[in-house]
């Protein structure tokens, strides 16, 4: 998951004027652009940091903004943020400038001032768990404990279905079709309803949790808190922490963290069994098949069979 700026990025606190502007921008992102709630949240946080640095407590006047303001803001991030994060921040600012254009401001110069951040995300194969590491990871959950049953079921959903953390938090009991063996995702990043097959091992983990681990509650959300306040759905941060604790228990915390590595590991396993890149992109719910092409580079053994000999080598 991408790092987010702190609410004020160490600068001035968010003024009432900026708060009102962010409320309008958030409404535009959600209801006009149809973006996912998490995307709206981090875009607003990036814009809040930028506006707080440029205006502080003063009224917002878009005519006062210049290319130097953008350069100063991004230079302040260069020492702390990776290129991928800075690229996302530029995308957030570009989205905000488009929003201001709709309100009648001329932001063409500001948009053109946003730099193209150099970043080569596919220069290395994706970092994934090996088969033995996956086995150790899955054995790191105490399945005699209700919380362990819940966390193991979450891990299986992330690893077998390739769910994002936000997708796992919004699963409900009604999304599971036991008779047909499918899972329905209503809260996807693309805002589209998706139907996925329910693997046997995933269904067994979920059934075990529902029968022996899940507390009695009126909530229809699948994964809920087991401590006060009871029955409240787990958030993304809670799921991330549960997976990180499992990595620590199986001595993998120095190599892996977060939940996205489980999604990448699932895609890698599919690729090694001969599944096409298009099918992997469909399972991962990628709108662009090129996003999934990185998994064509992870099966080193198969790549060696087609590699040409180095000029001048013996073989």
Protein backbone atom coordinates (compact mmCIF):
# COMPACT_ATOMS: atom_id res chain seq x y z
CA UNK A 1 0.00 0.00 0.00
CA UNK A 2 1.21 3.49 -0.79
CA UNK A 3 2.51 5.72 1.97
CA UNK A 4 0.35 8.68 2.78
CA UNK A 5 1.33 12.17 3.84
CA UNK A 6 0.53 13.07 7.43
CA UNK A 7 -2.51 15.33 7.63
CA UNK A 8 -0.50 18.54 7.53
CA UNK A 9 2.90 17.24 6.41
CA UNK A 10 4.58 18.97 9.32
CA UNK A 11 3.41 22.38 8.14
CA UNK A 12 0.49 24.54 9.11
CA UNK A 13 -2.67 22.98 10.44
CA UNK A 14 -5.60 22.64 8.07
CA UNK A 15 -7.67 25.83 8.15
CA UNK A 16 -11.44 25.99 7.94
CA UNK A 17 -11.12 27.34 4.41
CA UNK A 18 -8.98 24.38 3.32
CA UNK A 19 -11.30 21.94 5.10
CA UNK A 20 -14.28 23.30 3.17
CA UNK A 21 -12.34 23.05 -0.10
CA UNK A 22 -11.38 19.45 0.63
CA UNK A 23 -15.00 18.58 1.35
CA UNK A 24 -16.01 19.86 -2.09
CA UNK A 25 -13.08 18.07 -3.74
CA UNK A 26 -13.94 14.81 -1.97
CA UNK A 27 -17.56 15.07 -3.09
CA UNK A 28 -16.35 15.59 -6.68
CA UNK A 29 -14.07 12.55 -6.53
CA UNK A 30 -16.75 10.28 -5.08
CA UNK A 31 -19.85 11.31 -6.96
CA UNK A 32 -18.53 12.73 -10.24
CA UNK A 33 -15.38 10.66 -10.80
CA UNK A 34 -16.70 7.54 -9.03
CA UNK A 35 -13.38 6.81 -7.31
CA UNK A 36 -12.95 4.32 -4.49
CA UNK A 37 -13.19 5.79 -0.95
CA UNK A 38 -9.54 4.99 -0.17
CA UNK A 39 -8.39 6.76 -3.35
CA UNK A 40 -10.47 9.82 -2.41
CA UNK A 41 -8.96 9.81 1.07
CA UNK A 42 -5.32 9.88 0.05
CA UNK A 43 -5.92 12.38 -2.77
CA UNK A 44 -7.52 14.75 -0.29
CA UNK A 45 -4.65 14.28 2.16
CA UNK A 46 -2.07 15.09 -0.52
CA UNK A 47 -3.98 18.20 -1.59
CA UNK A 48 -4.44 19.25 2.04
CA UNK A 49 -0.67 19.15 2.61
CA UNK A 50 -0.07 21.17 -0.55
CA UNK A 51 -2.68 23.84 0.23
CA UNK A 52 -1.55 24.13 3.86
CA UNK A 53 2.01 24.76 2.73
CA UNK A 54 1.00 27.34 0.12
CA UNK A 55 -1.75 29.23 1.95
CA UNK A 56 -1.62 28.36 5.64
CA UNK A 57 -4.56 30.14 7.27
CA UNK A 58 -4.99 32.62 4.40
CA UNK A 59 -7.93 32.41 1.97
CA UNK A 60 -7.47 30.18 -1.05
CA UNK A 61 -6.62 32.17 -4.18
CA UNK A 62 -5.69 29.91 -7.08
CA UNK A 63 -4.27 32.91 -8.96
CA UNK A 64 -1.51 33.15 -6.35
CA UNK A 65 -0.20 29.65 -7.07
CA UNK A 66 2.82 29.34 -9.33
CA UNK A 67 5.18 26.67 -10.58
CA UNK A 68 7.66 27.61 -7.82
CA UNK A 69 5.08 26.58 -5.19
CA UNK A 70 4.81 23.13 -6.77
CA UNK A 71 8.59 22.78 -7.03
CA UNK A 72 9.10 23.76 -3.39
CA UNK A 73 6.42 21.33 -2.20
CA UNK A 74 7.80 18.37 -4.16
CA UNK A 75 11.41 19.13 -3.23
CA UNK A 76 10.39 18.96 0.40
CA UNK A 77 9.15 15.41 -0.20
CA UNK A 78 12.17 14.20 -2.18
CA UNK A 79 14.25 13.21 0.85
CA UNK A 80 11.47 11.23 2.53
CA UNK A 81 9.25 9.75 -0.16
CA UNK A 82 10.01 7.14 -2.79
CA UNK A 83 9.52 7.97 -6.48
CA UNK A 84 6.36 5.86 -6.65
CA UNK A 85 4.79 7.83 -3.77
CA UNK A 86 5.82 11.18 -5.25
CA UNK A 87 4.30 10.10 -8.55
CA UNK A 88 0.98 9.40 -6.80
CA UNK A 89 1.14 12.80 -5.08
CA UNK A 90 1.58 14.48 -8.48
CA UNK A 91 -1.45 12.56 -9.74
CA UNK A 92 -3.46 13.85 -6.76
CA UNK A 93 -2.45 17.45 -7.49
CA UNK A 94 -3.25 17.01 -11.19
CA UNK A 95 -6.70 15.71 -10.23
CA UNK A 96 -7.24 18.73 -8.00
CA UNK A 97 -6.21 21.16 -10.74
CA UNK A 98 -8.73 19.51 -13.09
CA UNK A 99 -11.38 20.00 -10.42
CA UNK A 100 -10.51 23.69 -10.15
CA UNK A 101 -10.70 23.97 -13.95
CA UNK A 102 -14.31 22.78 -13.78
CA UNK A 103 -14.95 25.63 -11.34
CA UNK A 104 -13.64 28.16 -13.84
CA UNK A 105 -9.98 28.55 -12.85
CA UNK A 106 -7.23 28.45 -15.46
CA UNK A 107 -4.88 25.77 -14.11
CA UNK A 108 -3.16 24.81 -17.35
CA UNK A 109 0.17 26.29 -16.26
CA UNK A 110 -0.01 24.56 -12.87
CA UNK A 111 -0.81 21.19 -14.45
CA UNK A 112 2.05 21.60 -16.93
CA UNK A 113 4.40 22.40 -14.03
CA UNK A 114 3.89 18.99 -12.43
CA UNK A 115 7.03 16.96 -13.18
CA UNK A 116 7.13 13.46 -14.62
CA UNK A 117 8.67 11.48 -11.76
CA UNK A 118 11.20 8.96 -13.01
CA UNK A 119 10.24 5.54 -11.72
CA UNK A 120 10.84 2.09 -13.15
CA UNK A 121 8.53 -0.21 -11.16
CA UNK A 122 9.26 -3.26 -13.32
CA UNK A 123 13.05 -3.14 -13.11
CA UNK A 124 12.94 -6.04 -10.64
CA UNK A 125 10.61 -9.06 -10.46
CA UNK A 126 7.89 -8.69 -7.81
CA UNK A 127 8.81 -9.82 -4.31
CA UNK A 128 6.79 -12.95 -3.50
CA UNK A 129 6.75 -15.85 -1.07
CA UNK A 130 8.13 -19.22 -2.10
CA UNK A 131 6.03 -22.36 -1.67
CA UNK A 132 7.89 -23.28 1.53
CA UNK A 133 7.48 -19.75 2.92
CA UNK A 134 3.75 -19.86 2.17
CA UNK A 135 3.50 -23.14 4.08
CA UNK A 136 5.33 -21.68 7.09
CA UNK A 137 3.18 -18.55 6.94
CA UNK A 138 -0.09 -20.49 6.95
CA UNK A 139 1.10 -22.57 9.91
CA UNK A 140 1.79 -19.38 11.89
CA UNK A 141 -1.89 -19.03 12.88
CA UNK A 142 -3.21 -20.67 16.05
CA UNK A 143 -6.32 -22.42 14.79
CA UNK A 144 -7.34 -23.44 18.30
CA UNK A 145 -8.04 -19.77 19.06
CA UNK A 146 -11.00 -17.79 17.61
CA UNK A 147 -8.78 -14.87 16.59
CA UNK A 148 -6.34 -17.28 14.98
CA UNK A 149 -9.18 -18.89 13.04
CA UNK A 150 -10.31 -15.49 11.81
CA UNK A 151 -6.82 -14.38 10.81
CA UNK A 152 -6.15 -17.69 9.06
CA UNK A 153 -9.38 -17.30 7.07
CA UNK A 154 -8.34 -13.77 6.10
CA UNK A 155 -4.91 -15.02 5.02
CA UNK A 156 -6.50 -17.67 2.82
CA UNK A 157 -8.74 -15.06 1.18
CA UNK A 158 -5.76 -12.82 0.47
CA UNK A 159 -3.57 -15.67 -0.74
CA UNK A 160 -6.12 -17.77 -2.66
CA UNK A 161 -8.41 -15.06 -4.05
CA UNK A 162 -5.85 -12.27 -4.41
CA UNK A 163 -8.04 -9.87 -2.44
CA UNK A 164 -6.87 -6.40 -1.53
CA UNK A 165 -7.10 -5.50 2.14
CA UNK A 166 -10.01 -3.14 1.53
CA UNK A 167 -11.89 -5.85 -0.38
CA UNK A 168 -11.47 -8.28 2.52
CA UNK A 169 -12.84 -5.76 5.04
CA UNK A 170 -16.06 -5.35 3.05
CA UNK A 171 -16.85 -9.05 2.61
CA UNK A 172 -20.20 -10.02 4.07
CA UNK A 173 -21.93 -13.32 4.80
CA UNK A 174 -24.22 -12.64 1.85
CA UNK A 175 -21.24 -12.50 -0.52
CA UNK A 176 -20.53 -16.21 -0.03
CA UNK A 177 -22.49 -18.54 -2.30
CA UNK A 178 -21.78 -21.93 -0.76
CA UNK A 179 -24.02 -23.83 -3.13
CA UNK A 180 -22.31 -22.55 -6.29
CA UNK A 181 -18.87 -22.11 -4.72
CA UNK A 182 -18.41 -18.40 -5.54
CA UNK A 183 -17.54 -15.14 -3.81
CA UNK A 184 -19.03 -11.82 -4.90
CA UNK A 185 -16.99 -8.64 -4.46
CA UNK A 186 -19.04 -5.45 -4.30
CA UNK A 187 -16.32 -3.05 -3.12
CA UNK A 188 -13.55 -3.38 -5.68
CA UNK A 189 -11.03 -0.74 -6.72
CA UNK A 190 -12.72 -0.40 -10.11
CA UNK A 191 -16.15 -0.02 -8.47
CA UNK A 192 -17.43 -3.07 -10.35
CA UNK A 193 -19.10 -6.17 -8.99
CA UNK A 194 -16.80 -9.19 -9.45
CA UNK A 195 -17.52 -12.89 -9.05
CA UNK A 196 -14.68 -15.22 -8.06
CA UNK A 197 -14.58 -19.01 -7.59
CA UNK A 198 -14.26 -20.12 -3.97
CA UNK A 199 -11.36 -22.60 -3.68
CA UNK A 200 -11.89 -25.62 -1.44
CA UNK A 201 -9.16 -24.70 1.06
CA UNK A 202 -10.49 -21.15 1.32
CA UNK A 203 -14.05 -22.36 1.87
CA UNK A 204 -12.86 -24.78 4.56
CA UNK A 205 -11.00 -22.00 6.40
CA UNK A 206 -14.04 -19.72 6.23
CA UNK A 207 -16.43 -22.46 7.36
CA UNK A 208 -14.13 -23.37 10.28
CA UNK A 209 -14.05 -19.73 11.37
CA UNK A 210 -17.81 -19.26 11.04
CA UNK A 211 -18.63 -22.42 12.99
CA UNK A 212 -16.04 -22.25 15.76
CA UNK A 213 -14.49 -18.78 15.87
CA UNK A 214 -16.84 -15.98 14.87
CA UNK A 215 -18.67 -14.38 17.82
CA UNK A 216 -22.45 -14.21 17.78
CA UNK A 217 -23.43 -10.85 16.36
CA UNK A 218 -26.11 -9.24 14.23
CA UNK A 219 -23.45 -7.83 11.89
CA UNK A 220 -23.42 -9.34 8.39
CA UNK A 221 -19.78 -8.34 7.84
CA UNK A 222 -17.63 -11.46 7.58
CA UNK A 223 -14.53 -10.42 9.55
CA UNK A 224 -15.28 -8.58 12.79
CA UNK A 225 -13.52 -7.57 15.98
CA UNK A 226 -13.29 -10.12 18.79
CA UNK A 227 -12.58 -7.47 21.40
CA UNK A 228 -14.50 -4.39 22.49
CA UNK A 229 -16.16 -2.83 20.64
CA UNK A 230 -17.48 -6.25 19.63
CA UNK A 231 -19.05 -6.91 16.26
CA UNK A 232 -17.36 -3.94 14.57
CA UNK A 233 -15.91 -4.76 11.13
CA UNK A 234 -12.14 -5.09 10.93
CA UNK A 235 -10.40 -2.23 9.18
CA UNK A 236 -7.59 -2.45 6.67
CA UNK A 237 -5.03 -1.51 9.33
CA UNK A 238 -6.21 -4.37 11.59
CA UNK A 239 -5.92 -6.89 8.75
CA UNK A 240 -2.46 -5.58 7.85
CA UNK A 241 -1.34 -5.88 11.48
CA UNK A 242 -2.67 -9.45 11.73
CA UNK A 243 -0.69 -10.51 8.67
CA UNK A 244 2.45 -8.74 9.89
CA UNK A 245 2.21 -10.55 13.23
CA UNK A 246 2.02 -13.84 11.34
CA UNK A 247 5.13 -12.92 9.34
CA UNK A 248 6.89 -12.22 12.63
CA UNK A 249 5.85 -15.57 14.13
CA UNK A 250 7.27 -17.52 11.18
CA UNK A 251 10.49 -15.45 11.10
CA UNK A 252 9.68 -13.74 7.80
CA UNK A 253 9.14 -10.22 9.13
CA UNK A 254 12.57 -9.12 7.89
CA UNK A 255 11.58 -10.03 4.33
CA UNK A 256 7.85 -9.35 4.05
CA UNK A 257 5.21 -7.04 5.45
CA UNK A 258 1.76 -5.82 4.53
CA UNK A 259 -0.93 -7.77 2.67
CA UNK A 260 -0.10 -7.06 -0.97
CA UNK A 261 2.74 -9.60 -1.03
CA UNK A 262 0.11 -12.34 -0.60
CA UNK A 263 -1.79 -11.05 -3.63
CA UNK A 264 1.42 -11.01 -5.68
CA UNK A 265 2.30 -14.51 -4.49
CA UNK A 266 -1.06 -15.80 -5.69
CA UNK A 267 -0.49 -14.28 -9.13
CA UNK A 268 2.99 -15.80 -9.30
CA UNK A 269 1.67 -19.27 -8.45
CA UNK A 270 -0.93 -18.95 -11.20
CA UNK A 271 1.77 -17.96 -13.70
CA UNK A 272 3.93 -20.95 -12.79
CA UNK A 273 1.04 -23.32 -13.47
CA UNK A 274 0.67 -21.98 -17.02
CA UNK A 275 -2.18 -19.50 -16.54
CA UNK A 276 -2.08 -16.76 -19.19
CA UNK A 277 -1.31 -13.13 -18.38
CA UNK A 278 -4.84 -12.15 -19.47
CA UNK A 279 -6.37 -14.65 -17.04
CA UNK A 280 -4.11 -13.42 -14.23
CA UNK A 281 -5.17 -9.84 -14.95
CA UNK A 282 -8.82 -10.92 -14.81
CA UNK A 283 -8.38 -12.70 -11.46
CA UNK A 284 -6.50 -9.72 -10.01
CA UNK A 285 -9.19 -7.42 -11.40
CA UNK A 286 -6.67 -5.28 -13.30
CA UNK A 287 -8.25 -3.02 -15.89
CA UNK A 288 -5.00 -2.93 -17.89
CA UNK A 289 -3.44 -6.29 -18.81
CA UNK A 290 0.00 -4.62 -18.90
CA UNK A 291 -0.16 -4.28 -15.12
CA UNK A 292 -0.01 -8.06 -14.84
CA UNK A 293 2.79 -8.54 -17.38
CA UNK A 294 5.39 -8.25 -14.63
CA UNK A 295 4.48 -11.80 -13.57
CA UNK A 296 5.85 -13.13 -16.85
CA UNK A 297 9.33 -12.43 -15.45
CA UNK A 298 9.13 -14.32 -12.16
CA UNK A 299 9.44 -17.93 -13.36
CA UNK A 300 13.22 -18.00 -13.66
CA UNK A 301 13.43 -21.71 -14.43
CA UNK A 302 11.22 -21.40 -17.51
CA UNK A 303 13.02 -18.25 -18.60
CA UNK A 304 16.35 -20.09 -18.51
CA UNK A 305 15.03 -22.64 -21.02
CA UNK A 306 14.47 -19.93 -23.65
CA UNK A 307 17.47 -17.72 -22.84
CA UNK A 308 20.05 -17.38 -25.60
CA UNK A 309 23.68 -18.24 -24.75
CA UNK A 310 25.94 -15.33 -23.92
CA UNK A 311 28.24 -14.46 -26.87
CA UNK A 312 31.57 -16.22 -26.44
CA UNK A 313 30.35 -18.57 -23.71
CA UNK A 314 30.93 -22.34 -23.83
CA UNK A 315 27.19 -23.14 -24.02
